[in-house]
PDB file of N, CA and C in Angstrom:
ATOM      1  N   MET A   1      13.151 -17.228 -11.441  1.00  0.00           N
ATOM      2  CA  MET A   1      12.416 -16.294 -10.618  1.00  0.00           C
ATOM      3  C   MET A   1      13.431 -15.442  -9.850  1.00  0.00           C
ATOM      4  N   ASP A   2      13.378 -14.146 -10.075  1.00  0.00           N
ATOM      5  CA  ASP A   2      14.330 -13.267  -9.402  1.00  0.00           C
ATOM      6  C   ASP A   2      13.823 -12.864  -8.020  1.00  0.00           C
ATOM      7  N   LEU A   3      14.677 -12.176  -7.286  1.00  0.00           N
ATOM      8  CA  LEU A   3      14.387 -11.823  -5.904  1.00  0.00           C
ATOM      9  C   LEU A   3      13.222 -10.838  -5.801  1.00  0.00           C
ATOM     10  N   GLY A   4      13.116  -9.923  -6.742  1.00  0.00           N
ATOM     11  CA  GLY A   4      12.032  -8.935  -6.728  1.00  0.00           C
ATOM     12  C   GLY A   4      10.669  -9.571  -6.866  1.00  0.00           C
ATOM     13  N   SER A   5      10.532 -10.518  -7.782  1.00  0.00           N
ATOM     14  CA  SER A   5       9.234 -11.165  -7.958  1.00  0.00           C
ATOM     15  C   SER A   5       8.899 -12.075  -6.779  1.00  0.00           C
ATOM     16  N   LEU A   6       9.916 -12.633  -6.121  1.00  0.00           N
ATOM     17  CA  LEU A   6       9.675 -13.435  -4.920  1.00  0.00           C
ATOM     18  C   LEU A   6       9.107 -12.569  -3.809  1.00  0.00           C
ATOM     19  N   PHE A   7       9.673 -11.377  -3.605  1.00  0.00           N
ATOM     20  CA  PHE A   7       9.166 -10.483  -2.571  1.00  0.00           C
ATOM     21  C   PHE A   7       7.794  -9.917  -2.937  1.00  0.00           C
ATOM     22  N   GLN A   8       7.538  -9.682  -4.225  1.00  0.00           N
ATOM     23  CA  GLN A   8       6.216  -9.225  -4.648  1.00  0.00           C
ATOM     24  C   GLN A   8       5.160 -10.286  -4.375  1.00  0.00           C
ATOM     25  N   THR A   9       5.488 -11.531  -4.662  1.00  0.00           N
ATOM     26  CA  THR A   9       4.555 -12.625  -4.398  1.00  0.00           C
ATOM     27  C   THR A   9       4.324 -12.784  -2.903  1.00  0.00           C
ATOM     28  N   THR A  10       5.386 -12.673  -2.112  1.00  0.00           N
ATOM     29  CA  THR A  10       5.256 -12.772  -0.661  1.00  0.00           C
ATOM     30  C   THR A  10       4.385 -11.648  -0.115  1.00  0.00           C
ATOM     31  N   THR A  11       4.559 -10.446  -0.623  1.00  0.00           N
ATOM     32  CA  THR A  11       3.752  -9.308  -0.191  1.00  0.00           C
ATOM     33  C   THR A  11       2.292  -9.519  -0.542  1.00  0.00           C
ATOM     34  N   PHE A  12       2.019  -9.981  -1.744  1.00  0.00           N
ATOM     35  CA  PHE A  12       0.648 -10.188  -2.196  1.00  0.00           C
ATOM     36  C   PHE A  12      -0.055 -11.267  -1.376  1.00  0.00           C
ATOM     37  N   ILE A  13       0.601 -12.390  -1.168  1.00  0.00           N
ATOM     38  CA  ILE A  13      -0.013 -13.496  -0.424  1.00  0.00           C
ATOM     39  C   ILE A  13      -0.222 -13.107   1.036  1.00  0.00           C
ATOM     40  N   SER A  14       0.764 -12.444   1.645  1.00  0.00           N
ATOM     41  CA  SER A  14       0.607 -12.056   3.043  1.00  0.00           C
ATOM     42  C   SER A  14      -0.479 -10.991   3.210  1.00  0.00           C
ATOM     43  N   ALA A  15      -0.650 -10.113   2.230  1.00  0.00           N
ATOM     44  CA  ALA A  15      -1.710  -9.103   2.301  1.00  0.00           C
ATOM     45  C   ALA A  15      -3.089  -9.754   2.255  1.00  0.00           C
ATOM     46  N   ILE A  16      -3.266 -10.717   1.377  1.00  0.00           N
ATOM     47  CA  ILE A  16      -4.562 -11.403   1.288  1.00  0.00           C
ATOM     48  C   ILE A  16      -4.856 -12.179   2.572  1.00  0.00           C
ATOM     49  N   LEU A  17      -3.844 -12.875   3.095  1.00  0.00           N
ATOM     50  CA  LEU A  17      -4.045 -13.624   4.331  1.00  0.00           C
ATOM     51  C   LEU A  17      -4.305 -12.691   5.510  1.00  0.00           C
ATOM     52  N   LEU A  18      -3.682 -11.522   5.530  1.00  0.00           N
ATOM     53  CA  LEU A  18      -3.938 -10.554   6.589  1.00  0.00           C
ATOM     54  C   LEU A  18      -5.378 -10.062   6.565  1.00  0.00           C
ATOM     55  N   VAL A  19      -5.886  -9.770   5.387  1.00  0.00           N
ATOM     56  CA  VAL A  19      -7.273  -9.316   5.272  1.00  0.00           C
ATOM     57  C   VAL A  19      -8.218 -10.391   5.792  1.00  0.00           C
ATOM     58  N   ILE A  20      -7.981 -11.631   5.416  1.00  0.00           N
ATOM     59  CA  ILE A  20      -8.840 -12.731   5.859  1.00  0.00           C
ATOM     60  C   ILE A  20      -8.753 -12.903   7.370  1.00  0.00           C
ATOM     61  N   LEU A  21      -7.547 -12.903   7.916  1.00  0.00           N
ATOM     62  CA  LEU A  21      -7.386 -13.100   9.361  1.00  0.00           C
ATOM     63  C   LEU A  21      -7.995 -11.957  10.166  1.00  0.00           C
ATOM     64  N   ILE A  22      -7.840 -10.732   9.699  1.00  0.00           N
ATOM     65  CA  ILE A  22      -8.406  -9.595  10.430  1.00  0.00           C
ATOM     66  C   ILE A  22      -9.926  -9.631  10.384  1.00  0.00           C
ATOM     67  N   LEU A  23     -10.487 -10.014   9.254  1.00  0.00           N
ATOM     68  CA  LEU A  23     -11.941 -10.082   9.159  1.00  0.00           C
ATOM     69  C   LEU A  23     -12.534 -11.221   9.986  1.00  0.00           C
ATOM     70  N   LEU A  24     -11.770 -12.261  10.234  1.00  0.00           N
ATOM     71  CA  LEU A  24     -12.267 -13.382  11.028  1.00  0.00           C
ATOM     72  C   LEU A  24     -12.269 -13.099  12.532  1.00  0.00           C
ATOM     73  N   GLN A  25     -11.493 -12.123  12.964  1.00  0.00           N
ATOM     74  CA  GLN A  25     -11.460 -11.808  14.389  1.00  0.00           C
ATOM     75  C   GLN A  25     -12.688 -10.985  14.749  1.00  0.00           C
ATOM     76  N   GLN A  26     -13.318 -11.303  15.900  1.00  0.00           N
ATOM     77  CA  GLN A  26     -14.622 -10.729  16.218  1.00  0.00           C
ATOM     78  C   GLN A  26     -14.657  -9.926  17.508  1.00  0.00           C
ATOM     79  N   ARG A  27     -13.593  -9.412  17.980  1.00  0.00           N
ATOM     80  CA  ARG A  27     -13.592  -8.704  19.267  1.00  0.00           C
ATOM     81  C   ARG A  27     -14.257  -7.339  19.124  1.00  0.00           C
ATOM     82  N   GLY A  28     -15.371  -7.118  19.837  1.00  0.00           N
ATOM     83  CA  GLY A  28     -16.055  -5.826  19.838  1.00  0.00           C
ATOM     84  C   GLY A  28     -16.648  -5.466  18.495  1.00  0.00           C
ATOM     85  N   ALA A  29     -17.179  -6.440  17.773  1.00  0.00           N
ATOM     86  CA  ALA A  29     -17.620  -6.206  16.404  1.00  0.00           C
ATOM     87  C   ALA A  29     -19.126  -5.981  16.296  1.00  0.00           C
ATOM     88  N   SER A  30     -19.805  -5.702  17.392  1.00  0.00           N
ATOM     89  CA  SER A  30     -21.248  -5.517  17.308  1.00  0.00           C
ATOM     90  C   SER A  30     -21.586  -4.123  16.771  1.00  0.00           C
ATOM     91  N   LEU A  31     -22.810  -3.942  16.343  1.00  0.00           N
ATOM     92  CA  LEU A  31     -23.234  -2.668  15.778  1.00  0.00           C
ATOM     93  C   LEU A  31     -23.272  -1.582  16.840  1.00  0.00           C
ATOM     94  N   GLY A  32     -23.637  -1.938  18.056  1.00  0.00           N
ATOM     95  CA  GLY A  32     -23.679  -0.963  19.143  1.00  0.00           C
ATOM     96  C   GLY A  32     -22.310  -0.441  19.514  1.00  0.00           C
ATOM     97  N   ALA A  33     -21.269  -1.203  19.249  1.00  0.00           N
ATOM     98  CA  ALA A  33     -19.913  -0.762  19.569  1.00  0.00           C
ATOM     99  C   ALA A  33     -19.505   0.431  18.707  1.00  0.00           C
ATOM    100  N   GLY A  34     -20.065   0.543  17.519  1.00  0.00           N
ATOM    101  CA  GLY A  34     -19.743   1.662  16.645  1.00  0.00           C
ATOM    102  C   GLY A  34     -20.293   2.975  17.149  1.00  0.00           C
ATOM    103  N   PHE A  35     -21.353   2.912  17.967  1.00  0.00           N
ATOM    104  CA  PHE A  35     -21.980   4.118  18.498  1.00  0.00           C
ATOM    105  C   PHE A  35     -21.661   4.343  19.969  1.00  0.00           C
ATOM    106  N   GLY A  36     -20.711   3.602  20.513  1.00  0.00           N
ATOM    107  CA  GLY A  36     -20.300   3.796  21.895  1.00  0.00           C
ATOM    108  C   GLY A  36     -21.161   3.071  22.903  1.00  0.00           C
ATOM    109  N   GLY A  37     -22.047   2.224  22.463  1.00  0.00           N
ATOM    110  CA  GLY A  37     -22.944   1.528  23.380  1.00  0.00           C
ATOM    111  C   GLY A  37     -22.479   0.142  23.736  1.00  0.00           C
ATOM    112  N   SER A  38     -21.210  -0.094  23.677  1.00  0.00           N
ATOM    113  CA  SER A  38     -20.699  -1.434  23.936  1.00  0.00           C
ATOM    114  C   SER A  38     -20.489  -1.632  25.431  1.00  0.00           C
ATOM    115  N   GLY A  39     -21.101  -2.656  25.969  1.00  0.00           N
ATOM    116  CA  GLY A  39     -20.919  -2.973  27.369  1.00  0.00           C
ATOM    117  C   GLY A  39     -20.228  -4.306  27.534  1.00  0.00           C
ATOM    118  N   GLU A  40     -19.440  -4.680  26.579  1.00  0.00           N
ATOM    119  CA  GLU A  40     -18.800  -5.989  26.605  1.00  0.00           C
ATOM    120  C   GLU A  40     -17.598  -5.989  27.536  1.00  0.00           C
ATOM    121  N   LEU A  41     -17.323  -7.137  28.104  1.00  0.00           N
ATOM    122  CA  LEU A  41     -16.165  -7.322  28.960  1.00  0.00           C
ATOM    123  C   LEU A  41     -15.084  -8.016  28.145  1.00  0.00           C
ATOM    124  N   TYR A  42     -13.909  -7.389  28.053  1.00  0.00           N
ATOM    125  CA  TYR A  42     -12.822  -7.980  27.299  1.00  0.00           C
ATOM    126  C   TYR A  42     -12.007  -8.899  28.205  1.00  0.00           C
ATOM    127  N   THR A  43     -11.859 -10.119  27.786  1.00  0.00           N
ATOM    128  CA  THR A  43     -11.090 -11.088  28.551  1.00  0.00           C
ATOM    129  C   THR A  43      -9.835 -11.456  27.773  1.00  0.00           C
ATOM    130  N   THR A  44      -9.024 -12.304  28.355  1.00  0.00           N
ATOM    131  CA  THR A  44      -7.809 -12.722  27.661  1.00  0.00           C
ATOM    132  C   THR A  44      -8.150 -13.657  26.518  1.00  0.00           C
ATOM    133  N   ARG A  45      -7.271 -13.679  25.541  1.00  0.00           N
ATOM    134  CA  ARG A  45      -7.476 -14.561  24.389  1.00  0.00           C
ATOM    135  C   ARG A  45      -7.091 -15.984  24.760  1.00  0.00           C
ATOM    136  N   ARG A  46      -7.890 -16.936  24.275  1.00  0.00           N
ATOM    137  CA  ARG A  46      -7.610 -18.342  24.527  1.00  0.00           C
ATOM    138  C   ARG A  46      -7.927 -19.155  23.276  1.00  0.00           C
ATOM    139  N   GLY A  47      -7.253 -20.259  23.158  1.00  0.00           N
ATOM    140  CA  GLY A  47      -7.553 -21.220  22.104  1.00  0.00           C
ATOM    141  C   GLY A  47      -7.333 -20.691  20.705  1.00  0.00           C
ATOM    142  N   LEU A  48      -8.367 -20.854  19.880  1.00  0.00           N
ATOM    143  CA  LEU A  48      -8.288 -20.470  18.473  1.00  0.00           C
ATOM    144  C   LEU A  48      -8.120 -18.961  18.311  1.00  0.00           C
ATOM    145  N   ASP A  49      -8.748 -18.191  19.187  1.00  0.00           N
ATOM    146  CA  ASP A  49      -8.625 -16.736  19.106  1.00  0.00           C
ATOM    147  C   ASP A  49      -7.185 -16.292  19.316  1.00  0.00           C
ATOM    148  N   LYS A  50      -6.492 -16.908  20.254  1.00  0.00           N
ATOM    149  CA  LYS A  50      -5.092 -16.569  20.509  1.00  0.00           C
ATOM    150  C   LYS A  50      -4.205 -17.004  19.345  1.00  0.00           C
ATOM    151  N   SER A  51      -4.488 -18.173  18.781  1.00  0.00           N
ATOM    152  CA  SER A  51      -3.708 -18.657  17.640  1.00  0.00           C
ATOM    153  C   SER A  51      -3.887 -17.744  16.429  1.00  0.00           C
ATOM    154  N   MET A  52      -5.136 -17.303  16.184  1.00  0.00           N
ATOM    155  CA  MET A  52      -5.381 -16.394  15.060  1.00  0.00           C
ATOM    156  C   MET A  52      -4.684 -15.060  15.280  1.00  0.00           C
ATOM    157  N   PHE A  53      -4.682 -14.554  16.508  1.00  0.00           N
ATOM    158  CA  PHE A  53      -4.005 -13.297  16.810  1.00  0.00           C
ATOM    159  C   PHE A  53      -2.504 -13.418  16.578  1.00  0.00           C
ATOM    160  N   ASN A  54      -1.898 -14.499  17.064  1.00  0.00           N
ATOM    161  CA  ASN A  54      -0.460 -14.701  16.881  1.00  0.00           C
ATOM    162  C   ASN A  54      -0.110 -14.887  15.408  1.00  0.00           C
ATOM    163  N   THR A  55      -0.956 -15.594  14.664  1.00  0.00           N
ATOM    164  CA  THR A  55      -0.736 -15.770  13.228  1.00  0.00           C
ATOM    165  C   THR A  55      -0.833 -14.431  12.500  1.00  0.00           C
ATOM    166  N   THR A  56      -1.774 -13.580  12.922  1.00  0.00           N
ATOM    167  CA  THR A  56      -1.907 -12.255  12.328  1.00  0.00           C
ATOM    168  C   THR A  56      -0.653 -11.426  12.557  1.00  0.00           C
ATOM    169  N   VAL A  57      -0.104 -11.498  13.757  1.00  0.00           N
ATOM    170  CA  VAL A  57       1.119 -10.748  14.066  1.00  0.00           C
ATOM    171  C   VAL A  57       2.274 -11.242  13.194  1.00  0.00           C
ATOM    172  N   VAL A  58       2.378 -12.550  13.010  1.00  0.00           N
ATOM    173  CA  VAL A  58       3.440 -13.112  12.171  1.00  0.00           C
ATOM    174  C   VAL A  58       3.299 -12.621  10.729  1.00  0.00           C
ATOM    175  N   PHE A  59       2.076 -12.616  10.196  1.00  0.00           N
ATOM    176  CA  PHE A  59       1.881 -12.168   8.819  1.00  0.00           C
ATOM    177  C   PHE A  59       2.081 -10.659   8.673  1.00  0.00           C
ATOM    178  N   VAL A  60       1.830  -9.887   9.720  1.00  0.00           N
ATOM    179  CA  VAL A  60       2.130  -8.452   9.667  1.00  0.00           C
ATOM    180  C   VAL A  60       3.637  -8.242   9.551  1.00  0.00           C
ATOM    181  N   VAL A  61       4.398  -9.001  10.330  1.00  0.00           N
ATOM    182  CA  VAL A  61       5.859  -8.889  10.271  1.00  0.00           C
ATOM    183  C   VAL A  61       6.368  -9.306   8.888  1.00  0.00           C
ATOM    184  N   ILE A  62       5.839 -10.401   8.351  1.00  0.00           N
ATOM    185  CA  ILE A  62       6.243 -10.851   7.018  1.00  0.00           C
ATOM    186  C   ILE A  62       5.898  -9.791   5.969  1.00  0.00           C
ATOM    187  N   PHE A  63       4.709  -9.207   6.075  1.00  0.00           N
ATOM    188  CA  PHE A  63       4.261  -8.194   5.128  1.00  0.00           C
ATOM    189  C   PHE A  63       5.178  -6.966   5.162  1.00  0.00           C
ATOM    190  N   VAL A  64       5.473  -6.480   6.347  1.00  0.00           N
ATOM    191  CA  VAL A  64       6.315  -5.282   6.473  1.00  0.00           C
ATOM    192  C   VAL A  64       7.732  -5.559   5.991  1.00  0.00           C
ATOM    193  N   LEU A  65       8.281  -6.707   6.368  1.00  0.00           N
ATOM    194  CA  LEU A  65       9.640  -7.031   5.934  1.00  0.00           C
ATOM    195  C   LEU A  65       9.734  -7.217   4.422  1.00  0.00           C
ATOM    196  N   SER A  66       8.704  -7.780   3.811  1.00  0.00           N
ATOM    197  CA  SER A  66       8.748  -7.955   2.356  1.00  0.00           C
ATOM    198  C   SER A  66       8.634  -6.610   1.635  1.00  0.00           C
ATOM    199  N   ILE A  67       7.857  -5.682   2.197  1.00  0.00           N
ATOM    200  CA  ILE A  67       7.782  -4.345   1.598  1.00  0.00           C
ATOM    201  C   ILE A  67       9.116  -3.617   1.742  1.00  0.00           C
ATOM    202  N   LEU A  68       9.728  -3.725   2.926  1.00  0.00           N
ATOM    203  CA  LEU A  68      11.041  -3.096   3.106  1.00  0.00           C
ATOM    204  C   LEU A  68      12.089  -3.711   2.187  1.00  0.00           C
ATOM    205  N   ALA A  69      12.020  -5.009   1.984  1.00  0.00           N
ATOM    206  CA  ALA A  69      12.962  -5.670   1.070  1.00  0.00           C
ATOM    207  C   ALA A  69      12.740  -5.182  -0.358  1.00  0.00           C
ATOM    208  N   LEU A  70      11.492  -4.978  -0.751  1.00  0.00           N
ATOM    209  CA  LEU A  70      11.213  -4.457  -2.095  1.00  0.00           C
ATOM    210  C   LEU A  70      11.748  -3.048  -2.271  1.00  0.00           C
ATOM    211  N   LEU A  71      11.719  -2.270  -1.205  1.00  0.00           N
ATOM    212  CA  LEU A  71      12.251  -0.913  -1.300  1.00  0.00           C
ATOM    213  C   LEU A  71      13.771  -0.880  -1.351  1.00  0.00           C
ATOM    214  N   LEU A  72      14.412  -1.847  -0.715  1.00  0.00           N
ATOM    215  CA  LEU A  72      15.868  -1.814  -0.604  1.00  0.00           C
ATOM    216  C   LEU A  72      16.609  -2.493  -1.744  1.00  0.00           C
ATOM    217  N   ILE A  73      15.971  -3.462  -2.423  1.00  0.00           N
ATOM    218  CA  ILE A  73      16.672  -4.141  -3.505  1.00  0.00           C
ATOM    219  C   ILE A  73      16.635  -3.275  -4.768  1.00  0.00           C
ATOM    220  N   PRO A  74      17.727  -3.233  -5.497  1.00  0.00           N
ATOM    221  CA  PRO A  74      17.728  -2.419  -6.731  1.00  0.00           C
ATOM    222  C   PRO A  74      16.915  -3.085  -7.837  1.00  0.00           C
ATOM    223  N   ASN A  75      16.392  -2.268  -8.731  1.00  0.00           N
ATOM    224  CA  ASN A  75      15.585  -2.797  -9.842  1.00  0.00           C
ATOM    225  C   ASN A  75      16.413  -3.422 -10.903  1.00  0.00           C
TER     226      ASN A  75
END
Protein backbone atom coordinates (compact mmCIF):
# COMPACT_ATOMS: atom_id res chain seq x y z
CA MET A 1 0.00 0.00 0.00
CA ASP A 2 1.60 3.24 -1.12
CA LEU A 3 1.35 6.63 0.54
CA GLY A 4 -1.17 8.01 -1.98
CA SER A 5 -3.71 5.27 -1.39
CA LEU A 6 -3.27 5.64 2.38
CA PHE A 7 -4.14 9.34 2.18
CA GLN A 8 -7.06 8.62 -0.18
CA THR A 9 -8.46 6.10 2.27
CA THR A 10 -7.97 8.53 5.16
CA THR A 11 -9.76 11.27 3.22
CA PHE A 12 -12.66 8.99 2.33
CA ILE A 13 -13.17 7.64 5.86
CA SER A 14 -12.86 11.07 7.49
CA ALA A 15 -15.35 12.55 4.99
CA ILE A 16 -17.96 9.90 5.78
CA LEU A 17 -17.45 10.31 9.53
CA LEU A 18 -17.71 14.10 9.18
CA VAL A 19 -21.04 13.83 7.40
CA ILE A 20 -22.38 11.53 10.12
CA LEU A 21 -21.10 13.71 12.97
CA ILE A 22 -22.45 16.93 11.45
CA LEU A 23 -25.86 15.39 10.85
CA LEU A 24 -26.04 14.14 14.44
CA GLN A 25 -25.55 17.61 15.90
CA GLN A 26 -28.88 19.32 16.57
CA ARG A 27 -28.19 22.95 17.50
CA GLY A 28 -30.89 25.23 16.03
CA ALA A 29 -32.22 22.52 13.73
CA SER A 30 -35.94 23.29 13.98
CA LEU A 31 -38.04 24.21 10.96
CA GLY A 32 -38.81 27.66 12.34
CA ALA A 33 -35.10 28.45 12.50
CA GLY A 34 -34.95 28.33 8.70
CA PHE A 35 -37.47 31.17 8.47
CA GLY A 36 -35.97 33.34 11.21
CA GLY A 37 -38.51 32.38 13.85
CA SER A 38 -36.08 30.76 16.22
CA GLY A 39 -36.38 31.87 19.81
CA GLU A 40 -34.00 29.33 21.22
CA LEU A 41 -31.41 30.14 23.85
CA TYR A 42 -27.93 28.87 23.02
CA THR A 43 -26.04 27.56 26.00
CA THR A 44 -22.60 26.07 26.40
CA ARG A 45 -21.94 22.56 25.17
CA ARG A 46 -21.80 19.83 27.79
CA GLY A 47 -21.38 16.09 27.89
CA LEU A 48 -21.96 14.18 24.68
CA ASP A 49 -22.62 17.34 22.68
CA LYS A 50 -19.19 18.73 23.59
CA SER A 51 -17.49 15.41 22.82
CA MET A 52 -19.18 15.23 19.40
CA PHE A 53 -18.15 18.82 18.64
CA ASN A 54 -14.52 18.16 19.60
CA THR A 55 -14.50 14.92 17.58
CA THR A 56 -15.88 16.83 14.58
CA VAL A 57 -13.09 19.38 14.85
CA VAL A 58 -10.49 16.59 14.99
CA PHE A 59 -11.92 14.93 11.87
CA VAL A 60 -12.00 18.28 10.03
CA VAL A 61 -8.29 18.71 10.74
CA ILE A 62 -7.57 15.13 9.61
CA PHE A 63 -9.64 15.67 6.45
CA VAL A 64 -7.90 18.92 5.51
CA LEU A 65 -4.42 17.58 6.24
CA SER A 66 -5.03 14.44 4.19
CA ILE A 67 -6.23 16.53 1.23
CA LEU A 68 -3.17 18.77 1.50
CA ALA A 69 -0.94 15.69 1.67
CA LEU A 70 -2.59 14.33 -1.48
CA LEU A 71 -1.88 17.59 -3.25
CA LEU A 72 1.75 17.72 -2.16
CA ILE A 73 2.90 14.15 -2.79
CA PRO A 74 4.00 13.40 -6.35
CA ASN A 75 2.08 10.85 -8.41
